[in-house]
Amino acid sequence: MKYFLKCWKHFYDFKGIADKKEIDSFNFYNTTIIIVCIVVDIFCHIPNIYNLPNIYFGTLTISYFILSFLPSIAVETRHYNYSKKSFRLIWIAILELIFIGMIVYGIICRI
């Protein structure tokens, strides 16, 4: 848990290093919180106030996604610094996810 909190405290720091234990801990707790948010949204019938079409997550889940985006990018960048790889690889992965998301959104909207 201390590594998860460390990532949130240093969400603006893209120049340090993050070892495998730190990134694995952050990803584990982040995924657990996302699953809990989805379950709470489903059981409490929390509506989607962002008015996003074809998005079935509630406000709690979408808000956590938005809040945790920058710390996730920061810890990934620090991990790339630790493994001596270029941080630009992370932006390639983000662009791929956006592109795949656009394709899936296009397919869903046509149905």
N, C-alpha and C. Protein backbone atom coordinates (compact mmCIF):
# COMPACT_ATOMS: atom_id res chain seq x y z
N MET A 1 0.82 -1.20 0.00
CA MET A 1 0.00 0.00 0.00
C MET A 1 0.86 1.26 0.00
N LYS A 2 2.06 1.17 0.58
CA LYS A 2 2.90 2.36 0.65
C LYS A 2 3.36 2.79 -0.74
N TYR A 3 3.55 1.82 -1.66
CA TYR A 3 3.96 2.18 -3.02
C TYR A 3 2.81 2.84 -3.78
N PHE A 4 1.59 2.37 -3.51
CA PHE A 4 0.42 2.97 -4.14
C PHE A 4 0.27 4.43 -3.71
N LEU A 5 0.41 4.66 -2.41
CA LEU A 5 0.31 6.04 -1.91
C LEU A 5 1.48 6.90 -2.40
N LYS A 6 2.65 6.28 -2.53
CA LYS A 6 3.81 7.02 -3.05
C LYS A 6 3.55 7.48 -4.48
N CYS A 7 2.92 6.63 -5.27
CA CYS A 7 2.60 7.01 -6.66
C CYS A 7 1.63 8.18 -6.70
N TRP A 8 0.67 8.20 -5.79
CA TRP A 8 -0.28 9.32 -5.76
C TRP A 8 0.39 10.60 -5.26
N LYS A 9 1.35 10.47 -4.34
CA LYS A 9 2.04 11.66 -3.84
C LYS A 9 2.99 12.25 -4.87
N HIS A 10 3.52 11.39 -5.76
CA HIS A 10 4.48 11.84 -6.77
C HIS A 10 3.90 11.73 -8.17
N PHE A 11 2.63 12.10 -8.33
CA PHE A 11 1.99 11.98 -9.63
C PHE A 11 2.55 12.97 -10.65
N TYR A 12 3.22 13.99 -10.20
CA TYR A 12 3.78 15.02 -11.07
C TYR A 12 5.24 14.74 -11.42
N ASP A 13 5.84 13.72 -10.81
CA ASP A 13 7.27 13.46 -10.98
C ASP A 13 7.48 12.43 -12.07
N PHE A 14 7.95 12.90 -13.24
CA PHE A 14 8.21 12.01 -14.36
C PHE A 14 9.69 11.68 -14.50
N LYS A 15 10.54 12.20 -13.61
CA LYS A 15 11.98 12.04 -13.77
C LYS A 15 12.62 11.04 -12.84
N GLY A 16 11.92 10.57 -11.84
CA GLY A 16 12.50 9.61 -10.91
C GLY A 16 12.49 8.20 -11.50
N ILE A 17 12.66 7.23 -10.63
CA ILE A 17 12.60 5.84 -11.06
C ILE A 17 11.58 5.09 -10.22
N ALA A 18 10.98 4.07 -10.82
CA ALA A 18 10.04 3.20 -10.12
C ALA A 18 10.41 1.76 -10.46
N ASP A 19 10.72 0.99 -9.44
CA ASP A 19 11.09 -0.40 -9.70
C ASP A 19 9.84 -1.25 -9.93
N LYS A 20 10.07 -2.51 -10.22
CA LYS A 20 8.97 -3.42 -10.56
C LYS A 20 7.98 -3.57 -9.41
N LYS A 21 8.47 -3.58 -8.19
CA LYS A 21 7.58 -3.75 -7.04
C LYS A 21 6.62 -2.56 -6.92
N GLU A 22 7.13 -1.37 -7.18
CA GLU A 22 6.30 -0.18 -7.08
C GLU A 22 5.20 -0.17 -8.15
N ILE A 23 5.58 -0.48 -9.38
CA ILE A 23 4.58 -0.45 -10.45
C ILE A 23 3.58 -1.58 -10.31
N ASP A 24 4.04 -2.76 -9.88
CA ASP A 24 3.11 -3.87 -9.67
C ASP A 24 2.14 -3.57 -8.54
N SER A 25 2.62 -2.98 -7.47
CA SER A 25 1.76 -2.61 -6.36
C SER A 25 0.72 -1.57 -6.79
N PHE A 26 1.18 -0.57 -7.54
CA PHE A 26 0.25 0.46 -8.01
C PHE A 26 -0.81 -0.15 -8.92
N ASN A 27 -0.41 -1.00 -9.85
CA ASN A 27 -1.37 -1.60 -10.77
C ASN A 27 -2.35 -2.51 -10.05
N PHE A 28 -1.88 -3.26 -9.04
CA PHE A 28 -2.77 -4.13 -8.29
C PHE A 28 -3.84 -3.33 -7.55
N TYR A 29 -3.42 -2.32 -6.78
CA TYR A 29 -4.39 -1.54 -6.02
C TYR A 29 -5.28 -0.70 -6.93
N ASN A 30 -4.74 -0.21 -8.02
CA ASN A 30 -5.53 0.58 -8.96
C ASN A 30 -6.63 -0.29 -9.58
N THR A 31 -6.28 -1.50 -9.99
CA THR A 31 -7.26 -2.41 -10.57
C THR A 31 -8.31 -2.81 -9.54
N THR A 32 -7.88 -3.05 -8.31
CA THR A 32 -8.82 -3.40 -7.24
C THR A 32 -9.82 -2.27 -6.98
N ILE A 33 -9.34 -1.04 -6.95
CA ILE A 33 -10.22 0.10 -6.73
C ILE A 33 -11.19 0.27 -7.89
N ILE A 34 -10.72 0.05 -9.12
CA ILE A 34 -11.60 0.16 -10.27
C ILE A 34 -12.71 -0.89 -10.21
N ILE A 35 -12.36 -2.11 -9.84
CA ILE A 35 -13.38 -3.16 -9.72
C ILE A 35 -14.38 -2.82 -8.63
N VAL A 36 -13.90 -2.30 -7.52
CA VAL A 36 -14.81 -1.89 -6.44
C VAL A 36 -15.73 -0.75 -6.90
N CYS A 37 -15.19 0.20 -7.64
CA CYS A 37 -16.01 1.30 -8.16
C CYS A 37 -17.08 0.78 -9.11
N ILE A 38 -16.73 -0.17 -9.97
CA ILE A 38 -17.72 -0.73 -10.90
C ILE A 38 -18.82 -1.45 -10.13
N VAL A 39 -18.44 -2.23 -9.12
CA VAL A 39 -19.44 -2.95 -8.32
C VAL A 39 -20.35 -1.97 -7.58
N VAL A 40 -19.79 -0.93 -7.01
CA VAL A 40 -20.60 0.08 -6.31
C VAL A 40 -21.53 0.77 -7.28
N ASP A 41 -21.03 1.10 -8.48
CA ASP A 41 -21.89 1.74 -9.49
C ASP A 41 -23.06 0.84 -9.88
N ILE A 42 -22.78 -0.45 -10.02
CA ILE A 42 -23.83 -1.37 -10.45
C ILE A 42 -24.87 -1.57 -9.35
N PHE A 43 -24.42 -1.83 -8.12
CA PHE A 43 -25.36 -2.12 -7.04
C PHE A 43 -26.09 -0.89 -6.52
N CYS A 44 -25.49 0.27 -6.63
CA CYS A 44 -26.15 1.49 -6.15
C CYS A 44 -26.88 2.23 -7.27
N HIS A 45 -26.81 1.70 -8.49
CA HIS A 45 -27.46 2.31 -9.65
C HIS A 45 -27.07 3.78 -9.82
N ILE A 46 -25.77 4.03 -9.76
CA ILE A 46 -25.27 5.40 -9.93
C ILE A 46 -25.29 5.73 -11.42
N PRO A 47 -25.97 6.80 -11.80
CA PRO A 47 -26.09 7.12 -13.24
C PRO A 47 -24.80 7.73 -13.78
N ASN A 48 -24.72 7.78 -15.08
CA ASN A 48 -23.60 8.38 -15.77
C ASN A 48 -23.93 9.85 -16.02
N ILE A 49 -23.37 10.76 -15.23
CA ILE A 49 -23.71 12.18 -15.37
C ILE A 49 -22.92 12.87 -16.47
N TYR A 50 -21.92 12.16 -17.03
CA TYR A 50 -21.12 12.77 -18.09
C TYR A 50 -21.80 12.67 -19.45
N ASN A 51 -22.94 11.98 -19.53
CA ASN A 51 -23.71 11.82 -20.75
C ASN A 51 -22.89 11.28 -21.91
N LEU A 52 -22.05 10.30 -21.61
CA LEU A 52 -21.28 9.65 -22.65
C LEU A 52 -22.12 8.53 -23.25
N PRO A 53 -22.27 8.51 -24.57
CA PRO A 53 -23.12 7.46 -25.17
C PRO A 53 -22.42 6.11 -25.12
N ASN A 54 -23.20 5.08 -24.91
CA ASN A 54 -22.74 3.69 -24.90
C ASN A 54 -21.68 3.42 -23.85
N ILE A 55 -21.59 4.24 -22.82
CA ILE A 55 -20.68 3.99 -21.70
C ILE A 55 -21.57 3.60 -20.52
N TYR A 56 -21.38 2.39 -20.03
CA TYR A 56 -22.28 1.88 -19.00
C TYR A 56 -21.69 1.97 -17.61
N PHE A 57 -20.55 2.64 -17.47
CA PHE A 57 -19.98 2.84 -16.15
C PHE A 57 -20.66 4.04 -15.52
N GLY A 58 -20.76 4.02 -14.20
CA GLY A 58 -21.37 5.12 -13.49
C GLY A 58 -20.38 6.25 -13.27
N THR A 59 -20.83 7.28 -12.62
CA THR A 59 -20.03 8.47 -12.38
C THR A 59 -18.80 8.16 -11.53
N LEU A 60 -18.95 7.29 -10.56
CA LEU A 60 -17.83 6.97 -9.67
C LEU A 60 -16.67 6.34 -10.44
N THR A 61 -16.96 5.40 -11.30
CA THR A 61 -15.92 4.72 -12.07
C THR A 61 -15.25 5.67 -13.06
N ILE A 62 -16.04 6.43 -13.78
CA ILE A 62 -15.47 7.36 -14.76
C ILE A 62 -14.63 8.43 -14.07
N SER A 63 -15.09 8.92 -12.93
CA SER A 63 -14.31 9.92 -12.19
C SER A 63 -12.98 9.35 -11.72
N TYR A 64 -12.99 8.10 -11.26
CA TYR A 64 -11.73 7.49 -10.82
C TYR A 64 -10.79 7.27 -12.01
N PHE A 65 -11.34 6.86 -13.15
CA PHE A 65 -10.51 6.72 -14.35
C PHE A 65 -9.82 8.04 -14.67
N ILE A 66 -10.55 9.13 -14.63
CA ILE A 66 -9.98 10.44 -14.96
C ILE A 66 -8.93 10.85 -13.92
N LEU A 67 -9.23 10.64 -12.64
CA LEU A 67 -8.29 11.02 -11.59
C LEU A 67 -7.01 10.18 -11.60
N SER A 68 -7.12 8.91 -11.94
CA SER A 68 -5.95 8.04 -11.87
C SER A 68 -5.14 8.00 -13.16
N PHE A 69 -5.54 8.75 -14.16
CA PHE A 69 -4.82 8.72 -15.44
C PHE A 69 -3.40 9.28 -15.30
N LEU A 70 -3.25 10.44 -14.71
CA LEU A 70 -1.93 11.07 -14.59
C LEU A 70 -0.98 10.29 -13.67
N PRO A 71 -1.41 9.81 -12.51
CA PRO A 71 -0.49 8.98 -11.72
C PRO A 71 -0.07 7.70 -12.45
N SER A 72 -0.97 7.12 -13.23
CA SER A 72 -0.61 5.91 -13.99
C SER A 72 0.46 6.21 -15.02
N ILE A 73 0.31 7.32 -15.72
CA ILE A 73 1.31 7.70 -16.72
C ILE A 73 2.64 8.02 -16.03
N ALA A 74 2.59 8.68 -14.89
CA ALA A 74 3.82 9.05 -14.18
C ALA A 74 4.58 7.81 -13.70
N VAL A 75 3.88 6.84 -13.13
CA VAL A 75 4.57 5.66 -12.63
C VAL A 75 5.08 4.81 -13.79
N GLU A 76 4.37 4.76 -14.89
CA GLU A 76 4.87 4.04 -16.06
C GLU A 76 6.12 4.70 -16.61
N THR A 77 6.13 6.02 -16.66
CA THR A 77 7.30 6.74 -17.16
C THR A 77 8.50 6.52 -16.24
N ARG A 78 8.28 6.56 -14.92
CA ARG A 78 9.39 6.30 -13.99
C ARG A 78 9.90 4.87 -14.12
N HIS A 79 8.99 3.93 -14.42
CA HIS A 79 9.42 2.55 -14.62
C HIS A 79 10.26 2.41 -15.90
N TYR A 80 9.87 3.13 -16.94
CA TYR A 80 10.68 3.12 -18.16
C TYR A 80 12.05 3.74 -17.89
N ASN A 81 12.11 4.77 -17.05
CA ASN A 81 13.41 5.32 -16.68
C ASN A 81 14.25 4.30 -15.92
N TYR A 82 13.60 3.51 -15.07
CA TYR A 82 14.30 2.48 -14.29
C TYR A 82 14.86 1.39 -15.20
N SER A 83 14.09 1.01 -16.21
CA SER A 83 14.53 -0.05 -17.11
C SER A 83 15.34 0.48 -18.29
N LYS A 84 15.67 1.78 -18.26
CA LYS A 84 16.51 2.43 -19.26
C LYS A 84 15.92 2.35 -20.67
N LYS A 85 14.61 2.48 -20.75
CA LYS A 85 13.92 2.56 -22.03
C LYS A 85 13.38 3.97 -22.20
N SER A 86 13.07 4.32 -23.41
CA SER A 86 12.56 5.66 -23.70
C SER A 86 11.11 5.77 -23.22
N PHE A 87 10.78 6.89 -22.62
CA PHE A 87 9.41 7.11 -22.14
C PHE A 87 8.46 7.32 -23.30
N ARG A 88 8.99 7.55 -24.49
CA ARG A 88 8.12 7.75 -25.66
C ARG A 88 7.34 6.48 -26.01
N LEU A 89 7.83 5.34 -25.57
CA LEU A 89 7.11 4.08 -25.81
C LEU A 89 5.74 4.09 -25.14
N ILE A 90 5.65 4.79 -24.02
CA ILE A 90 4.37 4.87 -23.32
C ILE A 90 3.35 5.64 -24.15
N TRP A 91 3.78 6.68 -24.82
CA TRP A 91 2.87 7.47 -25.65
C TRP A 91 2.40 6.67 -26.86
N ILE A 92 3.28 5.81 -27.38
CA ILE A 92 2.86 4.93 -28.47
C ILE A 92 1.75 3.99 -27.98
N ALA A 93 1.91 3.45 -26.79
CA ALA A 93 0.88 2.57 -26.23
C ALA A 93 -0.43 3.32 -26.01
N ILE A 94 -0.35 4.55 -25.54
CA ILE A 94 -1.57 5.35 -25.32
C ILE A 94 -2.26 5.63 -26.64
N LEU A 95 -1.50 5.97 -27.66
CA LEU A 95 -2.10 6.22 -28.97
C LEU A 95 -2.74 4.96 -29.54
N GLU A 96 -2.12 3.81 -29.31
CA GLU A 96 -2.72 2.56 -29.76
C GLU A 96 -4.04 2.30 -29.05
N LEU A 97 -4.09 2.56 -27.74
CA LEU A 97 -5.34 2.37 -27.01
C LEU A 97 -6.43 3.31 -27.49
N ILE A 98 -6.06 4.55 -27.78
CA ILE A 98 -7.04 5.51 -28.31
C ILE A 98 -7.55 5.05 -29.66
N PHE A 99 -6.64 4.58 -30.52
CA PHE A 99 -7.04 4.12 -31.85
C PHE A 99 -7.96 2.91 -31.75
N ILE A 100 -7.62 1.95 -30.90
CA ILE A 100 -8.47 0.77 -30.72
C ILE A 100 -9.82 1.18 -30.14
N GLY A 101 -9.80 2.11 -29.20
CA GLY A 101 -11.05 2.61 -28.62
C GLY A 101 -11.94 3.28 -29.66
N MET A 102 -11.34 4.02 -30.58
CA MET A 102 -12.11 4.65 -31.64
C MET A 102 -12.74 3.60 -32.56
N ILE A 103 -11.99 2.55 -32.86
CA ILE A 103 -12.53 1.49 -33.70
C ILE A 103 -13.70 0.79 -33.01
N VAL A 104 -13.52 0.44 -31.74
CA VAL A 104 -14.59 -0.23 -31.00
C VAL A 104 -15.80 0.68 -30.87
N TYR A 105 -15.59 1.95 -30.61
CA TYR A 105 -16.70 2.90 -30.50
C TYR A 105 -17.45 3.01 -31.83
N GLY A 106 -16.70 3.02 -32.93
CA GLY A 106 -17.33 3.06 -34.25
C GLY A 106 -18.15 1.83 -34.54
N ILE A 107 -17.66 0.68 -34.12
CA ILE A 107 -18.41 -0.56 -34.33
C ILE A 107 -19.67 -0.57 -33.47
N ILE A 108 -19.57 -0.12 -32.23
CA ILE A 108 -20.72 -0.12 -31.33
C ILE A 108 -21.80 0.85 -31.81
N CYS A 109 -21.39 2.01 -32.33
CA CYS A 109 -22.36 3.00 -32.78
C CYS A 109 -23.11 2.56 -34.03
N ARG A 110 -22.50 1.69 -34.83
CA ARG A 110 -23.17 1.22 -36.04
C ARG A 110 -24.22 0.16 -35.73
N ILE A 111 -24.10 -0.49 -34.58
CA ILE A 111 -25.04 -1.57 -34.25
C ILE A 111 -26.37 -1.01 -33.81
